[in-house]
Amino acid sequence: MRSLPPILASAEAERLLAALTVGERPASIGLDLVRSLVPAADNAATIDGFPVGREALHEIAEDENKCFEVVAGDVRAIAVLSGRVGRVRSLFPTADAPATLVAGFPMHRIKDTTSPADIRAKVRALGRPKGRLLDTATGLGCTAIELARISAEVVTVELDPAAIDLARRNPWSARLFSDIPLLQGDVSEAIPFPLAGGLGNLAATSSEGRHDRRLR
């Protein structure tokens, strides 16, 4: 499995700051991603063996709309500028797995729910599909991953390379790069005709573009 940097969001940073203030080690940190979180000193916490200071933690805590990765002590917002559409894609923290924001707009329902719960509800609406499924507009791959639990095979297609880059930095998308066929391009061009003829269902929406490349 790919090794990714620890990820923090506002709620986790606030818990770390509180732990530093009283000199305690937090019992657990949300997102279930950070592998090592212990107070190192009055002004820093140790994350994966590197100190992260209060200033950086305050930066994370004050921004409730972003996820941040911690790389060798440096804090970086998880965001990718799409050269195709000229908009920024970023990870948005929720009570469950992150959602994608594109130019500030969520790509899944997150009001009174979470993106995984929303996706599960949509997949349940399909019933028990048979055969091979086609998922378009991959995004973080959450729909394709959920469909893979109930079908023989899922093929997913994403037009925007930036969406795939963002998914690579999202731990919840790991299965997308292990055992689900992922194609980048226009669905009308990326799916070979014999394969398209064998797909029984269409999930999500289609996109436009000109590529035919399989990714892992």
N, C-alpha and C. Protein backbone atom coordinates (compact mmCIF):
# COMPACT_ATOMS: atom_id res chain seq x y z
N MET A 1 0.84 -1.19 0.00
CA MET A 1 0.00 0.00 0.00
C MET A 1 0.88 1.24 0.00
N ARG A 2 0.46 2.27 -0.72
CA ARG A 2 1.24 3.49 -0.79
C ARG A 2 1.35 4.14 0.58
N SER A 3 2.55 4.65 0.89
CA SER A 3 2.75 5.37 2.14
C SER A 3 2.54 6.85 1.90
N LEU A 4 1.60 7.46 2.63
CA LEU A 4 1.29 8.86 2.47
C LEU A 4 1.64 9.63 3.73
N PRO A 5 1.89 10.94 3.59
CA PRO A 5 2.17 11.74 4.79
C PRO A 5 0.95 11.79 5.71
N PRO A 6 1.17 12.04 7.00
CA PRO A 6 0.04 12.26 7.90
C PRO A 6 -0.80 13.44 7.44
N ILE A 7 -2.09 13.40 7.74
CA ILE A 7 -3.01 14.46 7.36
C ILE A 7 -3.67 15.02 8.62
N LEU A 8 -3.76 16.33 8.67
CA LEU A 8 -4.44 17.01 9.76
C LEU A 8 -5.48 17.97 9.19
N ALA A 9 -6.54 18.17 9.96
CA ALA A 9 -7.52 19.21 9.65
C ALA A 9 -7.74 20.03 10.91
N SER A 10 -8.64 20.99 10.84
CA SER A 10 -8.82 21.96 11.92
C SER A 10 -9.07 21.28 13.27
N ALA A 11 -9.98 20.32 13.31
CA ALA A 11 -10.34 19.69 14.59
C ALA A 11 -9.15 18.98 15.21
N GLU A 12 -8.33 18.32 14.39
CA GLU A 12 -7.18 17.59 14.91
C GLU A 12 -6.11 18.57 15.42
N ALA A 13 -5.92 19.67 14.69
CA ALA A 13 -4.95 20.67 15.12
C ALA A 13 -5.36 21.30 16.45
N GLU A 14 -6.66 21.53 16.63
CA GLU A 14 -7.14 22.09 17.88
C GLU A 14 -6.89 21.13 19.04
N ARG A 15 -7.07 19.85 18.81
CA ARG A 15 -6.83 18.87 19.86
C ARG A 15 -5.34 18.80 20.20
N LEU A 16 -4.49 18.90 19.18
CA LEU A 16 -3.05 18.90 19.44
C LEU A 16 -2.65 20.13 20.24
N LEU A 17 -3.18 21.29 19.89
CA LEU A 17 -2.86 22.52 20.61
C LEU A 17 -3.31 22.42 22.06
N ALA A 18 -4.49 21.86 22.27
CA ALA A 18 -4.98 21.69 23.64
C ALA A 18 -4.08 20.75 24.41
N ALA A 19 -3.62 19.67 23.77
CA ALA A 19 -2.73 18.72 24.43
C ALA A 19 -1.39 19.37 24.78
N LEU A 20 -0.88 20.22 23.88
CA LEU A 20 0.37 20.91 24.16
C LEU A 20 0.21 21.85 25.34
N THR A 21 -0.94 22.49 25.43
CA THR A 21 -1.17 23.47 26.49
C THR A 21 -1.09 22.83 27.87
N VAL A 22 -1.64 21.63 27.98
CA VAL A 22 -1.66 20.96 29.30
C VAL A 22 -0.55 19.92 29.44
N GLY A 23 0.25 19.75 28.37
CA GLY A 23 1.37 18.82 28.44
C GLY A 23 0.98 17.36 28.41
N GLU A 24 -0.17 17.05 27.79
CA GLU A 24 -0.63 15.67 27.71
C GLU A 24 -0.50 15.13 26.29
N ARG A 25 -0.47 13.82 26.19
CA ARG A 25 -0.48 13.16 24.89
C ARG A 25 -1.92 12.86 24.50
N PRO A 26 -2.37 13.31 23.32
CA PRO A 26 -3.74 13.00 22.91
C PRO A 26 -3.92 11.51 22.70
N ALA A 27 -5.05 10.97 23.19
CA ALA A 27 -5.28 9.54 23.08
C ALA A 27 -5.45 9.11 21.64
N SER A 28 -6.10 9.94 20.84
CA SER A 28 -6.27 9.63 19.42
C SER A 28 -6.54 10.93 18.67
N ILE A 29 -6.26 10.90 17.40
CA ILE A 29 -6.46 12.07 16.56
C ILE A 29 -7.33 11.65 15.39
N GLY A 30 -8.28 12.50 15.01
CA GLY A 30 -9.23 12.15 13.96
C GLY A 30 -8.61 11.90 12.61
N LEU A 31 -9.43 11.56 11.65
CA LEU A 31 -9.05 11.18 10.30
C LEU A 31 -8.32 9.83 10.26
N ASP A 32 -7.92 9.32 11.43
CA ASP A 32 -7.27 8.01 11.49
C ASP A 32 -6.09 7.89 10.55
N LEU A 33 -5.35 8.98 10.41
CA LEU A 33 -4.24 8.97 9.45
C LEU A 33 -2.90 9.24 10.10
N VAL A 34 -2.88 10.02 11.17
CA VAL A 34 -1.61 10.43 11.72
C VAL A 34 -1.00 9.28 12.51
N ARG A 35 0.21 8.89 12.13
CA ARG A 35 0.80 7.69 12.70
C ARG A 35 1.49 7.94 14.03
N SER A 36 1.95 9.18 14.28
CA SER A 36 2.66 9.46 15.52
C SER A 36 2.40 10.90 15.94
N LEU A 37 1.69 11.07 17.03
CA LEU A 37 1.36 12.40 17.52
C LEU A 37 1.65 12.48 19.02
N VAL A 38 2.71 13.14 19.39
CA VAL A 38 3.03 13.30 20.80
C VAL A 38 3.56 14.71 21.02
N PRO A 39 3.23 15.33 22.15
CA PRO A 39 3.83 16.63 22.45
C PRO A 39 5.34 16.48 22.61
N ALA A 40 6.11 17.33 21.91
CA ALA A 40 7.56 17.26 21.98
C ALA A 40 8.12 18.30 22.93
N ALA A 41 7.44 19.43 23.03
CA ALA A 41 7.88 20.52 23.89
C ALA A 41 6.71 21.47 24.04
N ASP A 42 6.93 22.55 24.79
CA ASP A 42 5.84 23.49 25.01
C ASP A 42 5.34 24.12 23.71
N ASN A 43 6.21 24.22 22.70
CA ASN A 43 5.85 24.96 21.49
C ASN A 43 5.78 24.09 20.25
N ALA A 44 5.83 22.77 20.39
CA ALA A 44 5.80 21.92 19.21
C ALA A 44 5.24 20.55 19.55
N ALA A 45 4.75 19.89 18.52
CA ALA A 45 4.34 18.49 18.62
C ALA A 45 5.19 17.69 17.65
N THR A 46 5.43 16.43 17.97
CA THR A 46 6.18 15.58 17.07
C THR A 46 5.21 14.78 16.22
N ILE A 47 5.32 14.93 14.91
CA ILE A 47 4.46 14.21 13.97
C ILE A 47 5.36 13.44 13.01
N ASP A 48 5.27 12.13 13.08
CA ASP A 48 6.14 11.26 12.28
C ASP A 48 7.62 11.58 12.49
N GLY A 49 7.97 11.90 13.72
CA GLY A 49 9.37 12.11 14.05
C GLY A 49 9.89 13.51 13.85
N PHE A 50 9.04 14.42 13.36
CA PHE A 50 9.48 15.79 13.11
C PHE A 50 8.64 16.77 13.93
N PRO A 51 9.27 17.82 14.46
CA PRO A 51 8.51 18.80 15.24
C PRO A 51 7.65 19.69 14.36
N VAL A 52 6.44 19.93 14.80
CA VAL A 52 5.52 20.86 14.14
C VAL A 52 5.12 21.89 15.18
N GLY A 53 5.45 23.15 14.93
CA GLY A 53 5.27 24.19 15.93
C GLY A 53 3.84 24.66 16.08
N ARG A 54 3.63 25.43 17.14
CA ARG A 54 2.30 25.97 17.41
C ARG A 54 1.80 26.85 16.27
N GLU A 55 2.69 27.62 15.66
CA GLU A 55 2.26 28.52 14.59
C GLU A 55 1.63 27.74 13.44
N ALA A 56 2.28 26.63 13.07
CA ALA A 56 1.74 25.80 11.99
C ALA A 56 0.42 25.16 12.41
N LEU A 57 0.34 24.71 13.66
CA LEU A 57 -0.90 24.10 14.13
C LEU A 57 -2.03 25.12 14.18
N HIS A 58 -1.71 26.36 14.57
CA HIS A 58 -2.74 27.41 14.56
C HIS A 58 -3.21 27.68 13.12
N GLU A 59 -2.29 27.64 12.17
CA GLU A 59 -2.66 27.84 10.76
C GLU A 59 -3.69 26.80 10.31
N ILE A 60 -3.47 25.56 10.70
CA ILE A 60 -4.41 24.49 10.35
C ILE A 60 -5.73 24.69 11.09
N ALA A 61 -5.63 24.98 12.40
CA ALA A 61 -6.84 25.10 13.22
C ALA A 61 -7.76 26.21 12.73
N GLU A 62 -7.19 27.25 12.16
CA GLU A 62 -7.99 28.41 11.75
C GLU A 62 -8.63 28.23 10.38
N ASP A 63 -8.29 27.18 9.67
CA ASP A 63 -8.86 26.96 8.33
C ASP A 63 -9.68 25.68 8.36
N GLU A 64 -10.99 25.82 8.49
CA GLU A 64 -11.88 24.66 8.61
C GLU A 64 -12.22 24.02 7.28
N ASN A 65 -11.75 24.60 6.18
CA ASN A 65 -12.14 24.12 4.85
C ASN A 65 -11.06 23.34 4.12
N LYS A 66 -9.95 23.04 4.81
CA LYS A 66 -8.84 22.38 4.13
C LYS A 66 -8.30 21.22 4.96
N CYS A 67 -7.73 20.26 4.26
CA CYS A 67 -6.90 19.23 4.88
C CYS A 67 -5.44 19.57 4.59
N PHE A 68 -4.58 19.27 5.52
CA PHE A 68 -3.15 19.58 5.38
C PHE A 68 -2.35 18.29 5.55
N GLU A 69 -1.32 18.14 4.72
CA GLU A 69 -0.40 17.04 4.91
C GLU A 69 0.86 17.56 5.60
N VAL A 70 1.45 16.71 6.43
CA VAL A 70 2.63 17.09 7.19
C VAL A 70 3.80 16.29 6.63
N VAL A 71 4.74 16.98 6.00
CA VAL A 71 5.88 16.33 5.34
C VAL A 71 7.16 16.83 5.98
N ALA A 72 7.81 15.95 6.75
CA ALA A 72 9.07 16.29 7.41
C ALA A 72 8.94 17.58 8.22
N GLY A 73 7.80 17.74 8.88
CA GLY A 73 7.58 18.91 9.72
C GLY A 73 6.96 20.09 9.01
N ASP A 74 6.95 20.08 7.67
CA ASP A 74 6.33 21.17 6.91
C ASP A 74 4.85 20.88 6.72
N VAL A 75 4.04 21.91 6.80
CA VAL A 75 2.59 21.79 6.65
C VAL A 75 2.18 22.33 5.29
N ARG A 76 1.43 21.52 4.52
CA ARG A 76 1.03 21.91 3.17
C ARG A 76 -0.46 21.63 2.97
N ALA A 77 -1.19 22.62 2.48
CA ALA A 77 -2.59 22.39 2.14
C ALA A 77 -2.66 21.41 0.98
N ILE A 78 -3.61 20.49 1.02
CA ILE A 78 -3.76 19.51 -0.04
C ILE A 78 -4.68 20.10 -1.10
N ALA A 79 -4.07 20.62 -2.15
CA ALA A 79 -4.82 21.28 -3.22
C ALA A 79 -4.04 21.14 -4.51
N VAL A 80 -4.77 21.05 -5.63
CA VAL A 80 -4.15 20.89 -6.95
C VAL A 80 -4.85 21.84 -7.91
N LEU A 81 -4.07 22.63 -8.66
CA LEU A 81 -4.64 23.50 -9.68
C LEU A 81 -4.81 22.71 -10.97
N SER A 82 -6.03 22.67 -11.48
CA SER A 82 -6.30 21.96 -12.72
C SER A 82 -5.93 22.83 -13.91
N GLY A 83 -4.97 22.36 -14.70
CA GLY A 83 -4.63 23.07 -15.91
C GLY A 83 -5.70 22.97 -16.97
N ARG A 84 -6.55 21.96 -16.86
CA ARG A 84 -7.61 21.76 -17.86
C ARG A 84 -8.75 22.74 -17.67
N VAL A 85 -9.18 22.93 -16.44
CA VAL A 85 -10.35 23.79 -16.19
C VAL A 85 -9.98 25.09 -15.47
N GLY A 86 -8.72 25.22 -15.06
CA GLY A 86 -8.29 26.44 -14.41
C GLY A 86 -8.89 26.66 -13.04
N ARG A 87 -9.24 25.59 -12.35
CA ARG A 87 -9.82 25.68 -11.02
C ARG A 87 -9.05 24.81 -10.04
N VAL A 88 -9.11 25.19 -8.78
CA VAL A 88 -8.39 24.46 -7.74
C VAL A 88 -9.26 23.34 -7.19
N ARG A 89 -8.70 22.15 -7.11
CA ARG A 89 -9.32 21.02 -6.43
C ARG A 89 -8.63 20.85 -5.08
N SER A 90 -9.41 20.64 -4.03
CA SER A 90 -8.82 20.48 -2.71
C SER A 90 -9.61 19.47 -1.90
N LEU A 91 -8.99 18.98 -0.82
CA LEU A 91 -9.66 18.06 0.10
C LEU A 91 -10.34 18.87 1.19
N PHE A 92 -11.62 18.56 1.42
CA PHE A 92 -12.42 19.25 2.42
C PHE A 92 -12.71 18.28 3.56
N PRO A 93 -12.32 18.61 4.80
CA PRO A 93 -12.53 17.67 5.91
C PRO A 93 -14.00 17.56 6.30
N THR A 94 -14.41 16.34 6.62
CA THR A 94 -15.76 16.09 7.13
C THR A 94 -15.62 15.20 8.36
N ALA A 95 -16.73 14.81 8.93
CA ALA A 95 -16.69 13.91 10.07
C ALA A 95 -16.24 12.51 9.67
N ASP A 96 -16.21 12.25 8.37
CA ASP A 96 -15.78 10.95 7.83
C ASP A 96 -14.65 11.24 6.84
N ALA A 97 -14.62 10.54 5.73
CA ALA A 97 -13.59 10.76 4.72
C ALA A 97 -13.75 12.15 4.10
N PRO A 98 -12.65 12.75 3.63
CA PRO A 98 -12.75 14.08 3.01
C PRO A 98 -13.59 14.05 1.74
N ALA A 99 -14.13 15.21 1.41
CA ALA A 99 -14.81 15.42 0.13
C ALA A 99 -13.91 16.26 -0.75
N THR A 100 -14.24 16.32 -2.04
CA THR A 100 -13.52 17.20 -2.96
C THR A 100 -14.24 18.52 -3.08
N LEU A 101 -13.47 19.61 -3.01
CA LEU A 101 -13.99 20.92 -3.38
C LEU A 101 -13.38 21.30 -4.72
N VAL A 102 -14.20 21.80 -5.63
CA VAL A 102 -13.70 22.35 -6.89
C VAL A 102 -14.13 23.81 -6.94
N ALA A 103 -13.14 24.70 -6.91
CA ALA A 103 -13.41 26.14 -6.86
C ALA A 103 -14.33 26.48 -5.68
N GLY A 104 -14.18 25.74 -4.58
CA GLY A 104 -14.94 26.01 -3.38
C GLY A 104 -16.27 25.31 -3.28
N PHE A 105 -16.67 24.53 -4.30
CA PHE A 105 -17.96 23.85 -4.30
C PHE A 105 -17.75 22.35 -4.07
N PRO A 106 -18.49 21.75 -3.12
CA PRO A 106 -18.33 20.31 -2.85
C PRO A 106 -18.88 19.47 -3.99
N MET A 107 -18.20 18.36 -4.27
CA MET A 107 -18.61 17.47 -5.35
C MET A 107 -19.56 16.37 -4.88
N HIS A 108 -19.79 16.28 -3.58
CA HIS A 108 -20.79 15.37 -3.03
C HIS A 108 -21.60 16.10 -1.98
N ARG A 109 -22.76 15.57 -1.65
CA ARG A 109 -23.56 16.15 -0.58
C ARG A 109 -22.83 15.98 0.74
N ILE A 110 -22.69 17.07 1.49
CA ILE A 110 -22.05 16.99 2.80
C ILE A 110 -22.89 17.66 3.88
N LYS A 111 -23.99 18.32 3.48
CA LYS A 111 -24.87 18.93 4.48
C LYS A 111 -25.73 17.84 5.13
N ASP A 112 -25.65 17.76 6.43
CA ASP A 112 -26.39 16.76 7.22
C ASP A 112 -26.02 15.33 6.84
N THR A 113 -24.88 15.14 6.20
CA THR A 113 -24.40 13.80 5.86
C THR A 113 -22.90 13.90 5.62
N THR A 114 -22.28 12.83 5.15
CA THR A 114 -20.88 12.85 4.73
C THR A 114 -20.81 12.31 3.31
N SER A 115 -19.70 12.56 2.64
CA SER A 115 -19.61 12.08 1.26
C SER A 115 -19.67 10.55 1.19
N PRO A 116 -19.03 9.76 2.11
CA PRO A 116 -19.20 8.31 2.03
C PRO A 116 -20.64 7.87 2.22
N ALA A 117 -21.35 8.50 3.16
CA ALA A 117 -22.75 8.12 3.39
C ALA A 117 -23.61 8.46 2.17
N ASP A 118 -23.33 9.60 1.56
CA ASP A 118 -24.07 10.00 0.36
C ASP A 118 -23.83 9.01 -0.77
N ILE A 119 -22.58 8.59 -0.95
CA ILE A 119 -22.25 7.64 -2.01
C ILE A 119 -22.88 6.29 -1.75
N ARG A 120 -22.83 5.84 -0.50
CA ARG A 120 -23.44 4.54 -0.18
C ARG A 120 -24.93 4.54 -0.48
N ALA A 121 -25.60 5.65 -0.19
CA ALA A 121 -27.04 5.74 -0.48
C ALA A 121 -27.30 5.66 -1.98
N LYS A 122 -26.47 6.30 -2.77
CA LYS A 122 -26.65 6.28 -4.22
C LYS A 122 -26.37 4.88 -4.78
N VAL A 123 -25.37 4.22 -4.24
CA VAL A 123 -25.05 2.88 -4.72
C VAL A 123 -26.16 1.90 -4.34
N ARG A 124 -26.71 2.05 -3.14
CA ARG A 124 -27.82 1.18 -2.74
C ARG A 124 -29.01 1.33 -3.68
N ALA A 125 -29.18 2.54 -4.22
CA ALA A 125 -30.31 2.78 -5.13
C ALA A 125 -30.18 1.98 -6.42
N LEU A 126 -28.97 1.51 -6.72
CA LEU A 126 -28.76 0.68 -7.92
C LEU A 126 -29.26 -0.74 -7.72
N GLY A 127 -29.52 -1.12 -6.47
CA GLY A 127 -29.89 -2.51 -6.21
C GLY A 127 -28.67 -3.41 -6.28
N ARG A 128 -28.81 -4.56 -6.94
CA ARG A 128 -27.70 -5.49 -7.09
C ARG A 128 -27.34 -5.59 -8.56
N PRO A 129 -26.54 -4.66 -9.08
CA PRO A 129 -26.20 -4.69 -10.50
C PRO A 129 -25.38 -5.92 -10.85
N LYS A 130 -25.56 -6.40 -12.07
CA LYS A 130 -24.84 -7.57 -12.55
C LYS A 130 -23.77 -7.16 -13.55
N GLY A 131 -22.74 -7.99 -13.64
CA GLY A 131 -21.71 -7.77 -14.65
C GLY A 131 -20.74 -6.66 -14.28
N ARG A 132 -20.24 -5.98 -15.30
CA ARG A 132 -19.20 -4.97 -15.14
C ARG A 132 -19.84 -3.58 -15.14
N LEU A 133 -19.31 -2.70 -14.29
CA LEU A 133 -19.88 -1.36 -14.15
C LEU A 133 -18.91 -0.30 -14.64
N LEU A 134 -19.46 0.77 -15.17
CA LEU A 134 -18.68 1.93 -15.60
C LEU A 134 -19.00 3.10 -14.69
N ASP A 135 -17.96 3.67 -14.07
CA ASP A 135 -18.08 4.86 -13.25
C ASP A 135 -17.34 5.99 -13.95
N THR A 136 -18.00 7.12 -14.18
CA THR A 136 -17.33 8.23 -14.84
C THR A 136 -17.19 9.40 -13.89
N ALA A 137 -16.28 10.32 -14.24
CA ALA A 137 -15.94 11.44 -13.36
C ALA A 137 -15.46 10.89 -12.01
N THR A 138 -14.34 10.18 -12.05
CA THR A 138 -13.83 9.42 -10.90
C THR A 138 -13.71 10.25 -9.63
N GLY A 139 -13.13 11.44 -9.75
CA GLY A 139 -12.86 12.25 -8.57
C GLY A 139 -11.92 11.54 -7.62
N LEU A 140 -12.32 11.42 -6.37
CA LEU A 140 -11.51 10.71 -5.38
C LEU A 140 -11.66 9.19 -5.47
N GLY A 141 -12.54 8.73 -6.33
CA GLY A 141 -12.71 7.29 -6.52
C GLY A 141 -13.64 6.64 -5.53
N CYS A 142 -14.32 7.44 -4.70
CA CYS A 142 -15.17 6.85 -3.64
C CYS A 142 -16.32 6.04 -4.23
N THR A 143 -16.92 6.54 -5.31
CA THR A 143 -18.02 5.81 -5.92
C THR A 143 -17.53 4.50 -6.53
N ALA A 144 -16.41 4.55 -7.24
CA ALA A 144 -15.86 3.34 -7.84
C ALA A 144 -15.51 2.31 -6.77
N ILE A 145 -14.94 2.77 -5.66
CA ILE A 145 -14.56 1.85 -4.59
C ILE A 145 -15.80 1.21 -3.98
N GLU A 146 -16.86 1.99 -3.78
CA GLU A 146 -18.09 1.44 -3.22
C GLU A 146 -18.74 0.47 -4.20
N LEU A 147 -18.73 0.81 -5.49
CA LEU A 147 -19.30 -0.08 -6.50
C LEU A 147 -18.53 -1.39 -6.57
N ALA A 148 -17.22 -1.33 -6.34
CA ALA A 148 -16.39 -2.54 -6.40
C ALA A 148 -16.78 -3.54 -5.32
N ARG A 149 -17.45 -3.10 -4.27
CA ARG A 149 -17.86 -4.01 -3.20
C ARG A 149 -19.04 -4.89 -3.62
N ILE A 150 -19.79 -4.45 -4.65
CA ILE A 150 -21.02 -5.17 -4.99
C ILE A 150 -21.02 -5.68 -6.43
N SER A 151 -19.94 -5.51 -7.16
CA SER A 151 -19.95 -5.90 -8.57
C SER A 151 -18.73 -6.75 -8.90
N ALA A 152 -18.81 -7.41 -10.04
CA ALA A 152 -17.69 -8.24 -10.48
C ALA A 152 -16.49 -7.41 -10.88
N GLU A 153 -16.73 -6.25 -11.50
CA GLU A 153 -15.64 -5.37 -11.93
C GLU A 153 -16.18 -3.98 -12.15
N VAL A 154 -15.37 -2.99 -11.82
CA VAL A 154 -15.68 -1.59 -12.09
C VAL A 154 -14.55 -0.99 -12.89
N VAL A 155 -14.89 -0.27 -13.94
CA VAL A 155 -13.93 0.54 -14.69
C VAL A 155 -14.31 1.99 -14.45
N THR A 156 -13.35 2.82 -14.07
CA THR A 156 -13.65 4.22 -13.79
C THR A 156 -12.82 5.13 -14.69
N VAL A 157 -13.42 6.23 -15.14
CA VAL A 157 -12.80 7.14 -16.09
C VAL A 157 -12.85 8.56 -15.54
N GLU A 158 -11.71 9.25 -15.56
CA GLU A 158 -11.63 10.64 -15.11
C GLU A 158 -10.98 11.51 -16.18
N LEU A 159 -11.63 12.61 -16.51
CA LEU A 159 -11.12 13.51 -17.54
C LEU A 159 -9.94 14.35 -17.05
N ASP A 160 -10.04 14.86 -15.83
CA ASP A 160 -9.10 15.86 -15.33
C ASP A 160 -7.92 15.21 -14.61
N PRO A 161 -6.70 15.36 -15.11
CA PRO A 161 -5.53 14.79 -14.41
C PRO A 161 -5.39 15.31 -12.98
N ALA A 162 -5.84 16.54 -12.73
CA ALA A 162 -5.73 17.11 -11.38
C ALA A 162 -6.56 16.32 -10.38
N ALA A 163 -7.69 15.79 -10.83
CA ALA A 163 -8.53 14.99 -9.94
C ALA A 163 -7.78 13.72 -9.51
N ILE A 164 -7.06 13.13 -10.45
CA ILE A 164 -6.29 11.92 -10.14
C ILE A 164 -5.12 12.25 -9.22
N ASP A 165 -4.47 13.39 -9.46
CA ASP A 165 -3.38 13.81 -8.58
C ASP A 165 -3.88 14.01 -7.14
N LEU A 166 -5.05 14.61 -7.00
CA LEU A 166 -5.61 14.81 -5.66
C LEU A 166 -5.94 13.48 -5.01
N ALA A 167 -6.50 12.56 -5.77
CA ALA A 167 -6.84 11.25 -5.23
C ALA A 167 -5.59 10.52 -4.73
N ARG A 168 -4.48 10.68 -5.41
CA ARG A 168 -3.24 10.03 -4.98
C ARG A 168 -2.80 10.51 -3.60
N ARG A 169 -3.22 11.71 -3.21
CA ARG A 169 -2.82 12.27 -1.91
C ARG A 169 -3.87 12.02 -0.84
N ASN A 170 -4.91 11.28 -1.18
CA ASN A 170 -6.00 10.99 -0.25
C ASN A 170 -5.95 9.53 0.18
N PRO A 171 -5.68 9.24 1.43
CA PRO A 171 -5.56 7.83 1.86
C PRO A 171 -6.80 7.00 1.59
N TRP A 172 -7.98 7.59 1.62
CA TRP A 172 -9.21 6.84 1.38
C TRP A 172 -9.34 6.38 -0.07
N SER A 173 -8.49 6.92 -0.95
CA SER A 173 -8.54 6.55 -2.36
C SER A 173 -7.55 5.45 -2.71
N ALA A 174 -6.90 4.86 -1.72
CA ALA A 174 -5.81 3.92 -1.99
C ALA A 174 -6.24 2.77 -2.90
N ARG A 175 -7.44 2.23 -2.69
CA ARG A 175 -7.86 1.07 -3.49
C ARG A 175 -7.98 1.42 -4.97
N LEU A 176 -8.22 2.69 -5.24
CA LEU A 176 -8.35 3.14 -6.63
C LEU A 176 -7.08 2.84 -7.42
N PHE A 177 -5.96 2.82 -6.73
CA PHE A 177 -4.67 2.65 -7.41
C PHE A 177 -4.09 1.25 -7.19
N SER A 178 -4.93 0.34 -6.72
CA SER A 178 -4.44 -1.02 -6.52
C SER A 178 -5.18 -2.04 -7.38
N ASP A 179 -6.51 -2.07 -7.32
CA ASP A 179 -7.21 -3.14 -8.04
C ASP A 179 -8.46 -2.69 -8.78
N ILE A 180 -8.58 -1.38 -9.06
CA ILE A 180 -9.70 -0.88 -9.86
C ILE A 180 -9.13 -0.25 -11.13
N PRO A 181 -9.51 -0.74 -12.31
CA PRO A 181 -9.01 -0.13 -13.55
C PRO A 181 -9.41 1.34 -13.63
N LEU A 182 -8.41 2.21 -13.78
CA LEU A 182 -8.61 3.66 -13.82
C LEU A 182 -8.06 4.20 -15.13
N LEU A 183 -8.93 4.86 -15.89
CA LEU A 183 -8.55 5.45 -17.17
C LEU A 183 -8.67 6.97 -17.09
N GLN A 184 -7.73 7.67 -17.73
CA GLN A 184 -7.83 9.13 -17.81
C GLN A 184 -8.22 9.53 -19.22
N GLY A 185 -9.29 10.31 -19.35
CA GLY A 185 -9.70 10.79 -20.66
C GLY A 185 -11.20 10.94 -20.78
N ASP A 186 -11.64 11.25 -21.98
CA ASP A 186 -13.06 11.32 -22.30
C ASP A 186 -13.61 9.91 -22.32
N VAL A 187 -14.72 9.69 -21.64
CA VAL A 187 -15.26 8.34 -21.55
C VAL A 187 -15.58 7.78 -22.92
N SER A 188 -15.96 8.63 -23.88
CA SER A 188 -16.32 8.15 -25.21
C SER A 188 -15.11 7.69 -25.99
N GLU A 189 -13.90 8.12 -25.55
CA GLU A 189 -12.68 7.74 -26.25
C GLU A 189 -11.82 6.76 -25.45
N ALA A 190 -11.93 6.84 -24.10
CA ALA A 190 -11.05 6.03 -23.25
C ALA A 190 -11.50 4.59 -23.13
N ILE A 191 -12.80 4.34 -23.33
CA ILE A 191 -13.32 2.98 -23.21
C ILE A 191 -13.33 2.32 -24.58
N PRO A 192 -12.53 1.28 -24.82
CA PRO A 192 -12.57 0.58 -26.10
C PRO A 192 -13.96 0.01 -26.37
N PHE A 193 -14.35 0.00 -27.61
CA PHE A 193 -15.73 -0.39 -27.96
C PHE A 193 -16.11 -1.78 -27.44
N PRO A 194 -15.28 -2.81 -27.58
CA PRO A 194 -15.70 -4.13 -27.06
C PRO A 194 -15.94 -4.10 -25.55
N LEU A 195 -15.09 -3.32 -24.82
CA LEU A 195 -15.27 -3.23 -23.39
C LEU A 195 -16.54 -2.47 -23.07
N ALA A 196 -16.77 -1.36 -23.76
CA ALA A 196 -17.97 -0.56 -23.51
C ALA A 196 -19.22 -1.40 -23.75
N GLY A 197 -19.18 -2.28 -24.75
CA GLY A 197 -20.35 -3.10 -25.03
C GLY A 197 -20.64 -4.11 -23.96
N GLY A 198 -19.62 -4.41 -23.11
CA GLY A 198 -19.83 -5.39 -22.07
C GLY A 198 -20.16 -4.80 -20.71
N LEU A 199 -20.31 -3.47 -20.66
CA LEU A 199 -20.61 -2.82 -19.39
C LEU A 199 -22.11 -2.69 -19.22
N GLY A 200 -22.59 -3.11 -18.07
CA GLY A 200 -24.03 -3.19 -17.89
C GLY A 200 -24.68 -1.95 -17.31
N ASN A 201 -23.94 -1.09 -16.61
CA ASN A 201 -24.55 0.05 -15.94
C ASN A 201 -23.67 1.27 -16.07
N LEU A 202 -24.26 2.43 -15.96
CA LEU A 202 -23.53 3.69 -16.01
C LEU A 202 -23.77 4.42 -14.70
N ALA A 203 -22.69 4.74 -13.99
CA ALA A 203 -22.82 5.47 -12.73
C ALA A 203 -22.17 6.83 -12.88
N ALA A 204 -22.66 7.81 -12.13
CA ALA A 204 -22.13 9.18 -12.13
C ALA A 204 -22.39 9.87 -13.46
N THR A 205 -21.49 10.76 -13.90
CA THR A 205 -21.72 11.57 -15.08
C THR A 205 -20.55 11.48 -16.03
N SER A 206 -20.74 11.90 -17.28
CA SER A 206 -19.67 11.85 -18.27
C SER A 206 -18.94 13.18 -18.35
N SER A 207 -17.77 13.17 -18.98
CA SER A 207 -16.96 14.37 -19.15
C SER A 207 -16.48 14.46 -20.59
N GLU A 208 -15.72 15.50 -20.89
CA GLU A 208 -15.20 15.68 -22.23
C GLU A 208 -13.68 15.79 -22.19
N GLY A 209 -13.00 15.36 -23.25
CA GLY A 209 -11.55 15.44 -23.29
C GLY A 209 -10.99 14.56 -24.39
N ARG A 210 -9.67 14.46 -24.43
CA ARG A 210 -9.01 13.68 -25.48
C ARG A 210 -7.80 12.96 -24.90
N HIS A 211 -8.01 11.80 -24.35
CA HIS A 211 -6.91 10.97 -23.83
C HIS A 211 -7.33 9.53 -23.80
N ASP A 212 -6.38 8.64 -23.77
CA ASP A 212 -6.65 7.21 -23.59
C ASP A 212 -5.46 6.62 -22.86
N ARG A 213 -5.50 6.62 -21.55
CA ARG A 213 -4.35 6.20 -20.78
C ARG A 213 -4.82 5.48 -19.53
N ARG A 214 -4.32 4.29 -19.30
CA ARG A 214 -4.69 3.53 -18.10
C ARG A 214 -3.68 3.85 -17.00
N LEU A 215 -4.20 4.10 -15.79
CA LEU A 215 -3.36 4.48 -14.67
C LEU A 215 -3.47 3.46 -13.57
N ARG A 216 -2.38 3.37 -12.77
CA ARG A 216 -2.40 2.52 -11.58
C ARG A 216 -1.82 3.31 -10.42
